């Protein structure tokens, strides 16, 4: 039903959006039925059961956000596993503002750069193979920068620590094999 409401023609986008809505909606951090698996430095791991099966995810918040004078809702970066749907390493971002329509967001880790498509205040990688490359870069990196443009034209840059991502991914892989 949610895919019909979103009316998305690209099945990968539709699946990504539906998955992120499931994670950020009924299974958000602290929601009833959500189990905190542990904290690994700057990343927290969670598992939740719902009608769609078990969902496990790790999330973090930025260590630094620019520009400083912009009012934003909370910002999160997720990596999600949903075994029932055979989904692993699904990367998503909640940016804290509506993205500029038709814009993309980017993730930079060292010399690696990844492009994410946007919808409202969320962003995902369009290509499943790129998700695995991004997660591998996260495991090897120290910091990650997510950049985007708001619907008002403000360019933002959020810097995340990758300290603990490997251990946190291990937790969700064990909980959602």
C-alpha atoms as a PDB file:
ATOM      1  CA  UNK A   1       0.000   0.000   0.000  1.00  0.00           C
ATOM      2  CA  UNK A   2       2.735   2.478   0.900  1.00  0.00           C
ATOM      3  CA  UNK A   3       4.374   1.973  -2.507  1.00  0.00           C
ATOM      4  CA  UNK A   4       1.103   2.938  -4.221  1.00  0.00           C
ATOM      5  CA  UNK A   5       0.824   6.051  -2.080  1.00  0.00           C
ATOM      6  CA  UNK A   6       4.394   7.073  -2.956  1.00  0.00           C
ATOM      7  CA  UNK A   7       3.740   6.286  -6.666  1.00  0.00           C
ATOM      8  CA  UNK A   8       7.391   5.534  -7.398  1.00  0.00           C
ATOM      9  CA  UNK A   9       8.300   4.092 -10.779  1.00  0.00           C
ATOM     10  CA  UNK A  10      11.780   2.825  -9.833  1.00  0.00           C
ATOM     11  CA  UNK A  11      11.347  -0.395  -7.795  1.00  0.00           C
ATOM     12  CA  UNK A  12      14.702   0.066  -6.005  1.00  0.00           C
ATOM     13  CA  UNK A  13      13.669   3.539  -4.881  1.00  0.00           C
ATOM     14  CA  UNK A  14      10.267   2.292  -3.816  1.00  0.00           C
ATOM     15  CA  UNK A  15      11.834  -0.514  -1.771  1.00  0.00           C
ATOM     16  CA  UNK A  16      14.383   1.844  -0.216  1.00  0.00           C
ATOM     17  CA  UNK A  17      11.746   4.376   0.758  1.00  0.00           C
ATOM     18  CA  UNK A  18       9.396   1.743   2.147  1.00  0.00           C
ATOM     19  CA  UNK A  19      12.276   0.242   4.152  1.00  0.00           C
ATOM     20  CA  UNK A  20      13.413   3.540   5.560  1.00  0.00           C
ATOM     21  CA  UNK A  21       9.863   4.460   6.485  1.00  0.00           C
ATOM     22  CA  UNK A  22       9.589   1.166   8.329  1.00  0.00           C
ATOM     23  CA  UNK A  23      12.815   1.823  10.222  1.00  0.00           C
ATOM     24  CA  UNK A  24      12.187   5.467  10.991  1.00  0.00           C
ATOM     25  CA  UNK A  25       8.497   5.049  11.711  1.00  0.00           C
ATOM     26  CA  UNK A  26       7.351   2.201  13.896  1.00  0.00           C
ATOM     27  CA  UNK A  27      10.839   0.950  14.677  1.00  0.00           C
ATOM     28  CA  UNK A  28      12.651   4.185  15.482  1.00  0.00           C
ATOM     29  CA  UNK A  29      15.130   4.292  18.309  1.00  0.00           C
ATOM     30  CA  UNK A  30      13.251   3.986  21.555  1.00  0.00           C
ATOM     31  CA  UNK A  31       9.981   2.887  19.948  1.00  0.00           C
ATOM     32  CA  UNK A  32       7.971   0.157  21.634  1.00  0.00           C
ATOM     33  CA  UNK A  33       9.176  -3.258  20.461  1.00  0.00           C
ATOM     34  CA  UNK A  34      12.665  -1.961  19.638  1.00  0.00           C
ATOM     35  CA  UNK A  35      15.609  -3.608  21.366  1.00  0.00           C
ATOM     36  CA  UNK A  36      18.874  -1.737  21.755  1.00  0.00           C
ATOM     37  CA  UNK A  37      21.608  -4.198  20.832  1.00  0.00           C
ATOM     38  CA  UNK A  38      24.451  -2.014  22.037  1.00  0.00           C
ATOM     39  CA  UNK A  39      26.545   1.113  21.633  1.00  0.00           C
ATOM     40  CA  UNK A  40      29.855   0.961  19.789  1.00  0.00           C
ATOM     41  CA  UNK A  41      31.601   4.302  20.183  1.00  0.00           C
ATOM     42  CA  UNK A  42      29.618   6.655  17.904  1.00  0.00           C
ATOM     43  CA  UNK A  43      27.179   4.043  16.511  1.00  0.00           C
ATOM     44  CA  UNK A  44      24.160   2.429  18.197  1.00  0.00           C
ATOM     45  CA  UNK A  45      22.593  -0.850  17.054  1.00  0.00           C
ATOM     46  CA  UNK A  46      18.896  -1.760  17.307  1.00  0.00           C
ATOM     47  CA  UNK A  47      16.554  -4.616  16.368  1.00  0.00           C
ATOM     48  CA  UNK A  48      12.783  -4.518  16.004  1.00  0.00           C
ATOM     49  CA  UNK A  49      10.059  -6.988  15.163  1.00  0.00           C
ATOM     50  CA  UNK A  50       7.009  -5.920  13.207  1.00  0.00           C
ATOM     51  CA  UNK A  51       4.527  -7.365  10.722  1.00  0.00           C
ATOM     52  CA  UNK A  52       7.181  -7.191   8.016  1.00  0.00           C
ATOM     53  CA  UNK A  53       9.601  -9.345  10.033  1.00  0.00           C
ATOM     54  CA  UNK A  54      12.743  -8.416  11.891  1.00  0.00           C
ATOM     55  CA  UNK A  55      14.631  -5.218  11.076  1.00  0.00           C
ATOM     56  CA  UNK A  56      18.079  -4.419  12.442  1.00  0.00           C
ATOM     57  CA  UNK A  57      19.895  -1.146  12.022  1.00  0.00           C
ATOM     58  CA  UNK A  58      22.788   0.885  13.232  1.00  0.00           C
ATOM     59  CA  UNK A  59      22.638   4.654  13.375  1.00  0.00           C
ATOM     60  CA  UNK A  60      24.694   7.675  14.233  1.00  0.00           C
ATOM     61  CA  UNK A  61      24.322  11.428  14.454  1.00  0.00           C
ATOM     62  CA  UNK A  62      26.759  13.999  13.053  1.00  0.00           C
ATOM     63  CA  UNK A  63      29.661  15.229  15.172  1.00  0.00           C
ATOM     64  CA  UNK A  64      29.644  18.526  13.270  1.00  0.00           C
ATOM     65  CA  UNK A  65      26.993  20.239  11.149  1.00  0.00           C
ATOM     66  CA  UNK A  66      27.476  23.239   8.852  1.00  0.00           C
ATOM     67  CA  UNK A  67      26.304  25.870   8.548  1.00  0.00           C
ATOM     68  CA  UNK A  68      25.817  26.320  12.279  1.00  0.00           C
ATOM     69  CA  UNK A  69      23.032  28.917  12.042  1.00  0.00           C
ATOM     70  CA  UNK A  70      20.507  26.654  10.238  1.00  0.00           C
ATOM     71  CA  UNK A  71      17.505  25.342  12.183  1.00  0.00           C
ATOM     72  CA  UNK A  72      17.090  21.604  11.442  1.00  0.00           C
ATOM     73  CA  UNK A  73      15.222  18.616  12.776  1.00  0.00           C
ATOM     74  CA  UNK A  74      17.310  15.694  14.121  1.00  0.00           C
ATOM     75  CA  UNK A  75      19.787  14.189  11.642  1.00  0.00           C
ATOM     76  CA  UNK A  76      20.621  10.455  11.401  1.00  0.00           C
ATOM     77  CA  UNK A  77      22.615   8.099   9.191  1.00  0.00           C
ATOM     78  CA  UNK A  78      21.358   4.481   9.079  1.00  0.00           C
ATOM     79  CA  UNK A  79      22.582   1.124   7.805  1.00  0.00           C
ATOM     80  CA  UNK A  80      19.709  -1.384   7.819  1.00  0.00           C
ATOM     81  CA  UNK A  81      19.327  -5.167   7.483  1.00  0.00           C
ATOM     82  CA  UNK A  82      15.938  -6.790   6.741  1.00  0.00           C
ATOM     83  CA  UNK A  83      16.485 -10.553   6.322  1.00  0.00           C
ATOM     84  CA  UNK A  84      12.898 -11.327   5.247  1.00  0.00           C
ATOM     85  CA  UNK A  85      13.354  -9.016   2.239  1.00  0.00           C
ATOM     86  CA  UNK A  86      16.976 -10.160   1.675  1.00  0.00           C
ATOM     87  CA  UNK A  87      18.204  -6.619   2.322  1.00  0.00           C
ATOM     88  CA  UNK A  88      21.601  -5.939   3.856  1.00  0.00           C
ATOM     89  CA  UNK A  89      23.637  -2.748   4.026  1.00  0.00           C
ATOM     90  CA  UNK A  90      20.739  -0.482   3.057  1.00  0.00           C
ATOM     91  CA  UNK A  91      22.099   3.009   3.591  1.00  0.00           C
ATOM     92  CA  UNK A  92      19.774   5.920   4.358  1.00  0.00           C
ATOM     93  CA  UNK A  93      19.961   9.433   5.758  1.00  0.00           C
ATOM     94  CA  UNK A  94      17.425  11.615   7.512  1.00  0.00           C
ATOM     95  CA  UNK A  95      18.831  15.086   6.892  1.00  0.00           C
ATOM     96  CA  UNK A  96      16.681  17.302   9.137  1.00  0.00           C
ATOM     97  CA  UNK A  97      15.101  19.432   6.396  1.00  0.00           C
ATOM     98  CA  UNK A  98      13.303  18.879   3.067  1.00  0.00           C
ATOM     99  CA  UNK A  99      15.812  18.486   0.233  1.00  0.00           C
ATOM    100  CA  UNK A 100      15.613  20.712  -2.818  1.00  0.00           C
ATOM    101  CA  UNK A 101      13.289  18.956  -5.274  1.00  0.00           C
ATOM    102  CA  UNK A 102      15.206  16.932  -7.853  1.00  0.00           C
ATOM    103  CA  UNK A 103      18.497  17.315  -5.992  1.00  0.00           C
ATOM    104  CA  UNK A 104      20.914  14.613  -4.906  1.00  0.00           C
ATOM    105  CA  UNK A 105      22.964  14.268  -1.738  1.00  0.00           C
ATOM    106  CA  UNK A 106      26.523  13.007  -1.476  1.00  0.00           C
ATOM    107  CA  UNK A 107      28.560  10.944   0.950  1.00  0.00           C
ATOM    108  CA  UNK A 108      32.345  11.329   1.028  1.00  0.00           C
ATOM    109  CA  UNK A 109      34.729   9.012   2.851  1.00  0.00           C
ATOM    110  CA  UNK A 110      38.357   9.775   2.085  1.00  0.00           C
ATOM    111  CA  UNK A 111      38.716   9.759  -1.729  1.00  0.00           C
ATOM    112  CA  UNK A 112      35.442   7.833  -2.214  1.00  0.00           C
ATOM    113  CA  UNK A 113      32.279   9.713  -3.136  1.00  0.00           C
ATOM    114  CA  UNK A 114      28.743   8.308  -3.402  1.00  0.00           C
ATOM    115  CA  UNK A 115      25.587   9.919  -4.777  1.00  0.00           C
ATOM    116  CA  UNK A 116      22.227   9.478  -3.038  1.00  0.00           C
ATOM    117  CA  UNK A 117      18.777  10.252  -4.407  1.00  0.00           C
ATOM    118  CA  UNK A 118      16.513  12.342  -2.215  1.00  0.00           C
ATOM    119  CA  UNK A 119      12.851  12.419  -1.263  1.00  0.00           C
ATOM    120  CA  UNK A 120      11.535  14.980   1.213  1.00  0.00           C
ATOM    121  CA  UNK A 121      13.992  14.803   4.159  1.00  0.00           C
ATOM    122  CA  UNK A 122      15.492  11.377   3.340  1.00  0.00           C
ATOM    123  CA  UNK A 123      18.213  10.099   1.002  1.00  0.00           C
ATOM    124  CA  UNK A 124      19.295   6.640  -0.243  1.00  0.00           C
ATOM    125  CA  UNK A 125      21.703   5.056  -2.686  1.00  0.00           C
ATOM    126  CA  UNK A 126      19.945   4.111  -5.927  1.00  0.00           C
ATOM    127  CA  UNK A 127      22.246   1.184  -6.779  1.00  0.00           C
ATOM    128  CA  UNK A 128      22.390  -1.830  -4.449  1.00  0.00           C
ATOM    129  CA  UNK A 129      26.000  -2.638  -5.438  1.00  0.00           C
ATOM    130  CA  UNK A 130      27.026   0.896  -4.441  1.00  0.00           C
ATOM    131  CA  UNK A 131      25.557   0.338  -0.955  1.00  0.00           C
ATOM    132  CA  UNK A 132      28.041  -2.464  -0.316  1.00  0.00           C
ATOM    133  CA  UNK A 133      30.905  -0.252  -1.550  1.00  0.00           C
ATOM    134  CA  UNK A 134      29.767   2.581   0.726  1.00  0.00           C
ATOM    135  CA  UNK A 135      29.546   0.290   3.750  1.00  0.00           C
ATOM    136  CA  UNK A 136      33.016  -1.122   2.966  1.00  0.00           C
ATOM    137  CA  UNK A 137      34.370   2.450   2.774  1.00  0.00           C
ATOM    138  CA  UNK A 138      32.688   3.246   6.094  1.00  0.00           C
ATOM    139  CA  UNK A 139      34.416   0.277   7.746  1.00  0.00           C
ATOM    140  CA  UNK A 140      37.797   1.401   6.385  1.00  0.00           C
ATOM    141  CA  UNK A 141      37.348   5.118   7.045  1.00  0.00           C
ATOM    142  CA  UNK A 142      37.599   7.417  10.039  1.00  0.00           C
ATOM    143  CA  UNK A 143      35.099  10.123   9.089  1.00  0.00           C
ATOM    144  CA  UNK A 144      32.258  10.553   6.623  1.00  0.00           C
ATOM    145  CA  UNK A 145      30.691  13.746   5.257  1.00  0.00           C
ATOM    146  CA  UNK A 146      27.102  13.937   4.019  1.00  0.00           C
ATOM    147  CA  UNK A 147      26.243  16.996   1.918  1.00  0.00           C
ATOM    148  CA  UNK A 148      22.924  18.195   0.550  1.00  0.00           C
ATOM    149  CA  UNK A 149      20.885  21.212  -0.482  1.00  0.00           C
ATOM    150  CA  UNK A 150      17.701  22.250   1.295  1.00  0.00           C
ATOM    151  CA  UNK A 151      14.484  23.275  -0.443  1.00  0.00           C
ATOM    152  CA  UNK A 152      15.515  26.860   0.394  1.00  0.00           C
ATOM    153  CA  UNK A 153      18.849  26.441  -1.411  1.00  0.00           C
ATOM    154  CA  UNK A 154      21.036  26.153   1.699  1.00  0.00           C
ATOM    155  CA  UNK A 155      24.020  23.835   1.233  1.00  0.00           C
ATOM    156  CA  UNK A 156      24.719  21.695   4.292  1.00  0.00           C
ATOM    157  CA  UNK A 157      27.586  19.439   5.300  1.00  0.00           C
ATOM    158  CA  UNK A 158      27.376  16.928   8.157  1.00  0.00           C
ATOM    159  CA  UNK A 159      30.496  15.186   9.454  1.00  0.00           C
ATOM    160  CA  UNK A 160      30.135  11.763  11.115  1.00  0.00           C
ATOM    161  CA  UNK A 161      32.650   9.733  13.069  1.00  0.00           C
ATOM    162  CA  UNK A 162      32.984   6.167  11.812  1.00  0.00           C
ATOM    163  CA  UNK A 163      34.408   4.986  15.122  1.00  0.00           C
ATOM    164  CA  UNK A 164      32.495   1.848  16.084  1.00  0.00           C
ATOM    165  CA  UNK A 165      30.747   1.234  12.753  1.00  0.00           C
ATOM    166  CA  UNK A 166      32.393  -2.166  12.161  1.00  0.00           C
ATOM    167  CA  UNK A 167      31.420  -3.485  15.593  1.00  0.00           C
ATOM    168  CA  UNK A 168      27.902  -2.078  15.289  1.00  0.00           C
ATOM    169  CA  UNK A 169      27.463  -3.687  11.855  1.00  0.00           C
ATOM    170  CA  UNK A 170      28.634  -6.951  13.430  1.00  0.00           C
ATOM    171  CA  UNK A 171      25.890  -6.635  16.048  1.00  0.00           C
ATOM    172  CA  UNK A 172      23.129  -6.165  13.496  1.00  0.00           C
ATOM    173  CA  UNK A 173      24.516  -8.933  11.256  1.00  0.00           C
ATOM    174  CA  UNK A 174      24.359 -11.333  14.212  1.00  0.00           C
ATOM    175  CA  UNK A 175      20.830 -10.250  15.187  1.00  0.00           C
ATOM    176  CA  UNK A 176      19.535 -10.296  11.582  1.00  0.00           C
ATOM    177  CA  UNK A 177      21.460 -13.078   9.812  1.00  0.00           C
END
